[in-house]
Amino acid sequence: DDAQTYEDGIVRGDDLEAFDIAFYDPQGNLIQE
């Protein structure tokens, strides 16, 4: 939420609205998401 004020300007895990991540091998094949 960009409308909020964060201590020292740092957004931390509890402040997130969404967080998705995926990892790939060197050939670009999905390992896990």
ModelCIF file with pLDDT and N, C-alpha, C, O atoms, coordinates in Angstrom:
data_MODEL
#
_entry.id   MODEL 
#
_entity.id                         1 
_entity.type                       polymer 
_entity.pdbx_number_of_molecules   1 
#
_entity_poly.entity_id                      1 
_entity_poly.type                           'polypeptide(L)' 
_entity_poly.nstd_linkage                   no 
_entity_poly.nstd_monomer                   no 
_entity_poly.pdbx_seq_one_letter_code       DDAQTYEDGIVRGDDLEAFDIAFYDPQGNLIQE 
_entity_poly.pdbx_seq_one_letter_code_can   DDAQTYEDGIVRGDDLEAFDIAFYDPQGNLIQE 
_entity_poly.pdbx_strand_id                 A 
#
loop_
_entity_poly_seq.entity_id 
_entity_poly_seq.num 
_entity_poly_seq.mon_id 
_entity_poly_seq.hetero 
1 1  ASP n 
1 2  ASP n 
1 3  ALA n 
1 4  GLN n 
1 5  THR n 
1 6  TYR n 
1 7  GLU n 
1 8  ASP n 
1 9  GLY n 
1 10 ILE n 
1 11 VAL n 
1 12 ARG n 
1 13 GLY n 
1 14 ASP n 
1 15 ASP n 
1 16 LEU n 
1 17 GLU n 
1 18 ALA n 
1 19 PHE n 
1 20 ASP n 
1 21 ILE n 
1 22 ALA n 
1 23 PHE n 
1 24 TYR n 
1 25 ASP n 
1 26 PRO n 
1 27 GLN n 
1 28 GLY n 
1 29 ASN n 
1 30 LEU n 
1 31 ILE n 
1 32 GLN n 
1 33 GLU n 
#
_struct_asym.id          A 
_struct_asym.entity_id   1 
#
loop_
_ma_qa_metric.id 
_ma_qa_metric.mode 
_ma_qa_metric.name 
_ma_qa_metric.software_group_id 
_ma_qa_metric.type 
1 global pLDDT . pLDDT 
2 local  pLDDT . pLDDT 
#
_ma_qa_metric_global.metric_id      1 
_ma_qa_metric_global.metric_value   96.91 
_ma_qa_metric_global.model_id       1 
_ma_qa_metric_global.ordinal_id     1 
#
loop_
_ma_qa_metric_local.label_asym_id 
_ma_qa_metric_local.label_comp_id 
_ma_qa_metric_local.label_seq_id 
_ma_qa_metric_local.metric_id 
_ma_qa_metric_local.metric_value 
_ma_qa_metric_local.model_id 
_ma_qa_metric_local.ordinal_id 
A ASP 1  2 96.00 1 1  
A ASP 2  2 93.00 1 2  
A ALA 3  2 93.00 1 3  
A GLN 4  2 94.00 1 4  
A THR 5  2 94.00 1 5  
A TYR 6  2 96.00 1 6  
A GLU 7  2 95.00 1 7  
A ASP 8  2 95.00 1 8  
A GLY 9  2 97.00 1 9  
A ILE 10 2 98.00 1 10 
A VAL 11 2 98.00 1 11 
A ARG 12 2 98.00 1 12 
A GLY 13 2 97.00 1 13 
A ASP 14 2 97.00 1 14 
A ASP 15 2 97.00 1 15 
A LEU 16 2 98.00 1 16 
A GLU 17 2 97.00 1 17 
A ALA 18 2 97.00 1 18 
A PHE 19 2 98.00 1 19 
A ASP 20 2 98.00 1 20 
A ILE 21 2 98.00 1 21 
A ALA 22 2 98.00 1 22 
A PHE 23 2 98.00 1 23 
A TYR 24 2 98.00 1 24 
A ASP 25 2 98.00 1 25 
A PRO 26 2 98.00 1 26 
A GLN 27 2 97.00 1 27 
A GLY 28 2 97.00 1 28 
A ASN 29 2 98.00 1 29 
A LEU 30 2 98.00 1 30 
A ILE 31 2 98.00 1 31 
A GLN 32 2 98.00 1 32 
A GLU 33 2 98.00 1 33 
#
loop_
_atom_site.group_PDB 
_atom_site.id 
_atom_site.type_symbol 
_atom_site.label_atom_id 
_atom_site.label_alt_id 
_atom_site.label_comp_id 
_atom_site.label_asym_id 
_atom_site.label_entity_id 
_atom_site.label_seq_id 
_atom_site.pdbx_PDB_ins_code 
_atom_site.Cartn_x 
_atom_site.Cartn_y 
_atom_site.Cartn_z 
_atom_site.occupancy 
_atom_site.B_iso_or_equiv 
_atom_site.pdbx_formal_charge 
_atom_site.auth_seq_id 
_atom_site.auth_comp_id 
_atom_site.auth_asym_id 
_atom_site.auth_atom_id 
_atom_site.pdbx_PDB_model_num 
ATOM 1   N N  . ASP A 1 1  ? 0.849  -1.195  0.000   1.00 96.00 ? 1  ASP A N  1 
ATOM 2   C CA . ASP A 1 1  ? 0.000  0.000   0.000   1.00 96.00 ? 1  ASP A CA 1 
ATOM 3   C C  . ASP A 1 1  ? 0.883  1.243   0.000   1.00 96.00 ? 1  ASP A C  1 
ATOM 4   O O  . ASP A 1 1  ? 1.535  1.549   0.998   1.00 96.00 ? 1  ASP A O  1 
ATOM 5   N N  . ASP A 1 2  ? 0.901  1.943   -1.102  1.00 93.00 ? 2  ASP A N  1 
ATOM 6   C CA . ASP A 1 2  ? 1.756  3.110   -1.236  1.00 93.00 ? 2  ASP A CA 1 
ATOM 7   C C  . ASP A 1 2  ? 1.222  4.314   -0.475  1.00 93.00 ? 2  ASP A C  1 
ATOM 8   O O  . ASP A 1 2  ? 1.910  5.326   -0.346  1.00 93.00 ? 2  ASP A O  1 
ATOM 9   N N  . ALA A 1 3  ? -0.012 4.208   0.031   1.00 93.00 ? 3  ALA A N  1 
ATOM 10  C CA . ALA A 1 3  ? -0.592 5.319   0.782   1.00 93.00 ? 3  ALA A CA 1 
ATOM 11  C C  . ALA A 1 3  ? -0.167 5.299   2.246   1.00 93.00 ? 3  ALA A C  1 
ATOM 12  O O  . ALA A 1 3  ? -0.377 6.274   2.967   1.00 93.00 ? 3  ALA A O  1 
ATOM 13  N N  . GLN A 1 4  ? 0.424  4.206   2.682   1.00 94.00 ? 4  GLN A N  1 
ATOM 14  C CA . GLN A 1 4  ? 0.854  4.072   4.070   1.00 94.00 ? 4  GLN A CA 1 
ATOM 15  C C  . GLN A 1 4  ? 2.237  4.690   4.288   1.00 94.00 ? 4  GLN A C  1 
ATOM 16  O O  . GLN A 1 4  ? 3.000  4.885   3.341   1.00 94.00 ? 4  GLN A O  1 
ATOM 17  N N  . THR A 1 5  ? 2.543  4.991   5.537   1.00 94.00 ? 5  THR A N  1 
ATOM 18  C CA . THR A 1 5  ? 3.871  5.464   5.917   1.00 94.00 ? 5  THR A CA 1 
ATOM 19  C C  . THR A 1 5  ? 4.593  4.333   6.631   1.00 94.00 ? 5  THR A C  1 
ATOM 20  O O  . THR A 1 5  ? 4.043  3.725   7.550   1.00 94.00 ? 5  THR A O  1 
ATOM 21  N N  . TYR A 1 6  ? 5.831  4.046   6.213   1.00 96.00 ? 6  TYR A N  1 
ATOM 22  C CA . TYR A 1 6  ? 6.587  2.931   6.777   1.00 96.00 ? 6  TYR A CA 1 
ATOM 23  C C  . TYR A 1 6  ? 7.804  3.448   7.542   1.00 96.00 ? 6  TYR A C  1 
ATOM 24  O O  . TYR A 1 6  ? 8.462  4.394   7.111   1.00 96.00 ? 6  TYR A O  1 
ATOM 25  N N  . GLU A 1 7  ? 8.091  2.826   8.665   1.00 95.00 ? 7  GLU A N  1 
ATOM 26  C CA . GLU A 1 7  ? 9.210  3.246   9.498   1.00 95.00 ? 7  GLU A CA 1 
ATOM 27  C C  . GLU A 1 7  ? 10.509 3.210   8.705   1.00 95.00 ? 7  GLU A C  1 
ATOM 28  O O  . GLU A 1 7  ? 10.854 2.187   8.114   1.00 95.00 ? 7  GLU A O  1 
ATOM 29  N N  . ASP A 1 8  ? 11.218 4.316   8.693   1.00 95.00 ? 8  ASP A N  1 
ATOM 30  C CA . ASP A 1 8  ? 12.466 4.472   7.944   1.00 95.00 ? 8  ASP A CA 1 
ATOM 31  C C  . ASP A 1 8  ? 12.275 4.228   6.453   1.00 95.00 ? 8  ASP A C  1 
ATOM 32  O O  . ASP A 1 8  ? 13.251 4.027   5.731   1.00 95.00 ? 8  ASP A O  1 
ATOM 33  N N  . GLY A 1 9  ? 11.023 4.243   5.980   1.00 97.00 ? 9  GLY A N  1 
ATOM 34  C CA . GLY A 1 9  ? 10.764 4.033   4.566   1.00 97.00 ? 9  GLY A CA 1 
ATOM 35  C C  . GLY A 1 9  ? 10.948 2.597   4.104   1.00 97.00 ? 9  GLY A C  1 
ATOM 36  O O  . GLY A 1 9  ? 11.074 2.340   2.906   1.00 97.00 ? 9  GLY A O  1 
ATOM 37  N N  . ILE A 1 10 ? 10.965 1.642   5.062   1.00 98.00 ? 10 ILE A N  1 
ATOM 38  C CA . ILE A 1 10 ? 11.220 0.235   4.725   1.00 98.00 ? 10 ILE A CA 1 
ATOM 39  C C  . ILE A 1 10 ? 9.916  -0.562  4.767   1.00 98.00 ? 10 ILE A C  1 
ATOM 40  O O  . ILE A 1 10 ? 9.245  -0.611  5.798   1.00 98.00 ? 10 ILE A O  1 
ATOM 41  N N  . VAL A 1 11 ? 9.566  -1.181  3.650   1.00 98.00 ? 11 VAL A N  1 
ATOM 42  C CA . VAL A 1 11 ? 8.440  -2.105  3.593   1.00 98.00 ? 11 VAL A CA 1 
ATOM 43  C C  . VAL A 1 11 ? 8.957  -3.493  3.963   1.00 98.00 ? 11 VAL A C  1 
ATOM 44  O O  . VAL A 1 11 ? 9.889  -4.003  3.342   1.00 98.00 ? 11 VAL A O  1 
ATOM 45  N N  . ARG A 1 12 ? 8.340  -4.102  4.986   1.00 98.00 ? 12 ARG A N  1 
ATOM 46  C CA . ARG A 1 12 ? 8.780  -5.420  5.439   1.00 98.00 ? 12 ARG A CA 1 
ATOM 47  C C  . ARG A 1 12 ? 7.694  -6.453  5.166   1.00 98.00 ? 12 ARG A C  1 
ATOM 48  O O  . ARG A 1 12 ? 6.615  -6.125  4.673   1.00 98.00 ? 12 ARG A O  1 
ATOM 49  N N  . GLY A 1 13 ? 7.997  -7.703  5.493   1.00 97.00 ? 13 GLY A N  1 
ATOM 50  C CA . GLY A 1 13 ? 7.100  -8.798  5.149   1.00 97.00 ? 13 GLY A CA 1 
ATOM 51  C C  . GLY A 1 13 ? 5.668  -8.585  5.568   1.00 97.00 ? 13 GLY A C  1 
ATOM 52  O O  . GLY A 1 13 ? 4.749  -8.876  4.802   1.00 97.00 ? 13 GLY A O  1 
ATOM 53  N N  . ASP A 1 14 ? 5.456  -8.077  6.780   1.00 97.00 ? 14 ASP A N  1 
ATOM 54  C CA . ASP A 1 14 ? 4.099  -7.884  7.290   1.00 97.00 ? 14 ASP A CA 1 
ATOM 55  C C  . ASP A 1 14 ? 3.357  -6.765  6.565   1.00 97.00 ? 14 ASP A C  1 
ATOM 56  O O  . ASP A 1 14 ? 2.136  -6.653  6.682   1.00 97.00 ? 14 ASP A O  1 
ATOM 57  N N  . ASP A 1 15 ? 4.081  -5.943  5.821   1.00 97.00 ? 15 ASP A N  1 
ATOM 58  C CA . ASP A 1 15 ? 3.456  -4.823  5.121   1.00 97.00 ? 15 ASP A CA 1 
ATOM 59  C C  . ASP A 1 15 ? 2.988  -5.194  3.710   1.00 97.00 ? 15 ASP A C  1 
ATOM 60  O O  . ASP A 1 15 ? 2.261  -4.424  3.082   1.00 97.00 ? 15 ASP A O  1 
ATOM 61  N N  . LEU A 1 16 ? 3.389  -6.344  3.214   1.00 98.00 ? 16 LEU A N  1 
ATOM 62  C CA . LEU A 1 16 ? 3.114  -6.710  1.830   1.00 98.00 ? 16 LEU A CA 1 
ATOM 63  C C  . LEU A 1 16 ? 1.652  -7.086  1.609   1.00 98.00 ? 16 LEU A C  1 
ATOM 64  O O  . LEU A 1 16 ? 1.005  -7.671  2.478   1.00 98.00 ? 16 LEU A O  1 
ATOM 65  N N  . GLU A 1 17 ? 1.151  -6.740  0.434   1.00 97.00 ? 17 GLU A N  1 
ATOM 66  C CA . GLU A 1 17 ? -0.181 -7.163  0.026   1.00 97.00 ? 17 GLU A CA 1 
ATOM 67  C C  . GLU A 1 17 ? -0.108 -8.436  -0.814  1.00 97.00 ? 17 GLU A C  1 
ATOM 68  O O  . GLU A 1 17 ? -1.037 -9.244  -0.805  1.00 97.00 ? 17 GLU A O  1 
ATOM 69  N N  . ALA A 1 18 ? 0.996  -8.615  -1.537  1.00 97.00 ? 18 ALA A N  1 
ATOM 70  C CA . ALA A 1 18 ? 1.191  -9.810  -2.365  1.00 97.00 ? 18 ALA A CA 1 
ATOM 71  C C  . ALA A 1 18 ? 2.682  -10.053 -2.524  1.00 97.00 ? 18 ALA A C  1 
ATOM 72  O O  . ALA A 1 18 ? 3.479  -9.115  -2.528  1.00 97.00 ? 18 ALA A O  1 
ATOM 73  N N  . PHE A 1 19 ? 3.054  -11.332 -2.655  1.00 98.00 ? 19 PHE A N  1 
ATOM 74  C CA . PHE A 1 19 ? 4.452  -11.667 -2.924  1.00 98.00 ? 19 PHE A CA 1 
ATOM 75  C C  . PHE A 1 19 ? 4.501  -13.051 -3.565  1.00 98.00 ? 19 PHE A C  1 
ATOM 76  O O  . PHE A 1 19 ? 4.241  -14.057 -2.904  1.00 98.00 ? 19 PHE A O  1 
ATOM 77  N N  . ASP A 1 20 ? 4.837  -13.097 -4.852  1.00 98.00 ? 20 ASP A N  1 
ATOM 78  C CA . ASP A 1 20 ? 4.953  -14.343 -5.595  1.00 98.00 ? 20 ASP A CA 1 
ATOM 79  C C  . ASP A 1 20 ? 6.368  -14.457 -6.150  1.00 98.00 ? 20 ASP A C  1 
ATOM 80  O O  . ASP A 1 20 ? 6.927  -13.468 -6.622  1.00 98.00 ? 20 ASP A O  1 
ATOM 81  N N  . ILE A 1 21 ? 6.948  -15.644 -6.099  1.00 98.00 ? 21 ILE A N  1 
ATOM 82  C CA . ILE A 1 21 ? 8.308  -15.850 -6.576  1.00 98.00 ? 21 ILE A CA 1 
ATOM 83  C C  . ILE A 1 21 ? 8.418  -17.217 -7.234  1.00 98.00 ? 21 ILE A C  1 
ATOM 84  O O  . ILE A 1 21 ? 7.803  -18.180 -6.775  1.00 98.00 ? 21 ILE A O  1 
ATOM 85  N N  . ALA A 1 22 ? 9.197  -17.307 -8.306  1.00 98.00 ? 22 ALA A N  1 
ATOM 86  C CA . ALA A 1 22 ? 9.425  -18.566 -9.012  1.00 98.00 ? 22 ALA A CA 1 
ATOM 87  C C  . ALA A 1 22 ? 10.909 -18.694 -9.313  1.00 98.00 ? 22 ALA A C  1 
ATOM 88  O O  . ALA A 1 22 ? 11.585 -17.700 -9.576  1.00 98.00 ? 22 ALA A O  1 
ATOM 89  N N  . PHE A 1 23 ? 11.418 -19.929 -9.273  1.00 98.00 ? 23 PHE A N  1 
ATOM 90  C CA . PHE A 1 23 ? 12.834 -20.196 -9.513  1.00 98.00 ? 23 PHE A CA 1 
ATOM 91  C C  . PHE A 1 23 ? 12.991 -21.096 -10.733 1.00 98.00 ? 23 PHE A C  1 
ATOM 92  O O  . PHE A 1 23 ? 12.191 -22.005 -10.956 1.00 98.00 ? 23 PHE A O  1 
ATOM 93  N N  . TYR A 1 24 ? 14.046 -20.827 -11.528 1.00 98.00 ? 24 TYR A N  1 
ATOM 94  C CA . TYR A 1 24 ? 14.278 -21.520 -12.787 1.00 98.00 ? 24 TYR A CA 1 
ATOM 95  C C  . TYR A 1 24 ? 15.696 -22.068 -12.869 1.00 98.00 ? 24 TYR A C  1 
ATOM 96  O O  . TYR A 1 24 ? 16.624 -21.524 -12.271 1.00 98.00 ? 24 TYR A O  1 
ATOM 97  N N  . ASP A 1 25 ? 15.846 -23.155 -13.619 1.00 98.00 ? 25 ASP A N  1 
ATOM 98  C CA . ASP A 1 25 ? 17.178 -23.709 -13.834 1.00 98.00 ? 25 ASP A CA 1 
ATOM 99  C C  . ASP A 1 25 ? 17.894 -22.886 -14.909 1.00 98.00 ? 25 ASP A C  1 
ATOM 100 O O  . ASP A 1 25 ? 17.282 -21.987 -15.487 1.00 98.00 ? 25 ASP A O  1 
ATOM 101 N N  . PRO A 1 26 ? 19.174 -23.166 -15.195 1.00 98.00 ? 26 PRO A N  1 
ATOM 102 C CA . PRO A 1 26 ? 19.920 -22.342 -16.159 1.00 98.00 ? 26 PRO A CA 1 
ATOM 103 C C  . PRO A 1 26 ? 19.340 -22.344 -17.570 1.00 98.00 ? 26 PRO A C  1 
ATOM 104 O O  . PRO A 1 26 ? 19.626 -21.441 -18.356 1.00 98.00 ? 26 PRO A O  1 
ATOM 105 N N  . GLN A 1 27 ? 18.525 -23.352 -17.900 1.00 97.00 ? 27 GLN A N  1 
ATOM 106 C CA . GLN A 1 27 ? 17.901 -23.418 -19.220 1.00 97.00 ? 27 GLN A CA 1 
ATOM 107 C C  . GLN A 1 27 ? 16.540 -22.716 -19.256 1.00 97.00 ? 27 GLN A C  1 
ATOM 108 O O  . GLN A 1 27 ? 15.881 -22.700 -20.296 1.00 97.00 ? 27 GLN A O  1 
ATOM 109 N N  . GLY A 1 28 ? 16.123 -22.146 -18.146 1.00 97.00 ? 28 GLY A N  1 
ATOM 110 C CA . GLY A 1 28 ? 14.857 -21.441 -18.095 1.00 97.00 ? 28 GLY A CA 1 
ATOM 111 C C  . GLY A 1 28 ? 13.666 -22.305 -17.746 1.00 97.00 ? 28 GLY A C  1 
ATOM 112 O O  . GLY A 1 28 ? 12.524 -21.856 -17.854 1.00 97.00 ? 28 GLY A O  1 
ATOM 113 N N  . ASN A 1 29 ? 13.914 -23.561 -17.321 1.00 98.00 ? 29 ASN A N  1 
ATOM 114 C CA . ASN A 1 29 ? 12.831 -24.449 -16.920 1.00 98.00 ? 29 ASN A CA 1 
ATOM 115 C C  . ASN A 1 29 ? 12.425 -24.171 -15.471 1.00 98.00 ? 29 ASN A C  1 
ATOM 116 O O  . ASN A 1 29 ? 13.279 -23.989 -14.603 1.00 98.00 ? 29 ASN A O  1 
ATOM 117 N N  . LEU A 1 30 ? 11.136 -24.141 -15.224 1.00 98.00 ? 30 LEU A N  1 
ATOM 118 C CA . LEU A 1 30 ? 10.636 -23.890 -13.875 1.00 98.00 ? 30 LEU A CA 1 
ATOM 119 C C  . LEU A 1 30 ? 11.065 -24.997 -12.913 1.00 98.00 ? 30 LEU A C  1 
ATOM 120 O O  . LEU A 1 30 ? 10.927 -26.182 -13.218 1.00 98.00 ? 30 LEU A O  1 
ATOM 121 N N  . ILE A 1 31 ? 11.583 -24.605 -11.757 1.00 98.00 ? 31 ILE A N  1 
ATOM 122 C CA . ILE A 1 31 ? 11.889 -25.562 -10.693 1.00 98.00 ? 31 ILE A CA 1 
ATOM 123 C C  . ILE A 1 31 ? 10.722 -25.604 -9.714  1.00 98.00 ? 31 ILE A C  1 
ATOM 124 O O  . ILE A 1 31 ? 10.131 -26.659 -9.485  1.00 98.00 ? 31 ILE A O  1 
ATOM 125 N N  . GLN A 1 32 ? 10.397 -24.456 -9.143  1.00 98.00 ? 32 GLN A N  1 
ATOM 126 C CA . GLN A 1 32 ? 9.302  -24.369 -8.186  1.00 98.00 ? 32 GLN A CA 1 
ATOM 127 C C  . GLN A 1 32 ? 8.867  -22.924 -8.056  1.00 98.00 ? 32 GLN A C  1 
ATOM 128 O O  . GLN A 1 32 ? 9.670  -22.007 -8.232  1.00 98.00 ? 32 GLN A O  1 
ATOM 129 N N  . GLU A 1 33 ? 7.592  -22.718 -7.746  1.00 98.00 ? 33 GLU A N  1 
ATOM 130 C CA . GLU A 1 33 ? 7.055  -21.371 -7.585  1.00 98.00 ? 33 GLU A CA 1 
ATOM 131 C C  . GLU A 1 33 ? 6.238  -21.299 -6.306  1.00 98.00 ? 33 GLU A C  1 
ATOM 132 O O  . GLU A 1 33 ? 5.694  -20.244 -5.979  1.00 98.00 ? 33 GLU A O  1 
#
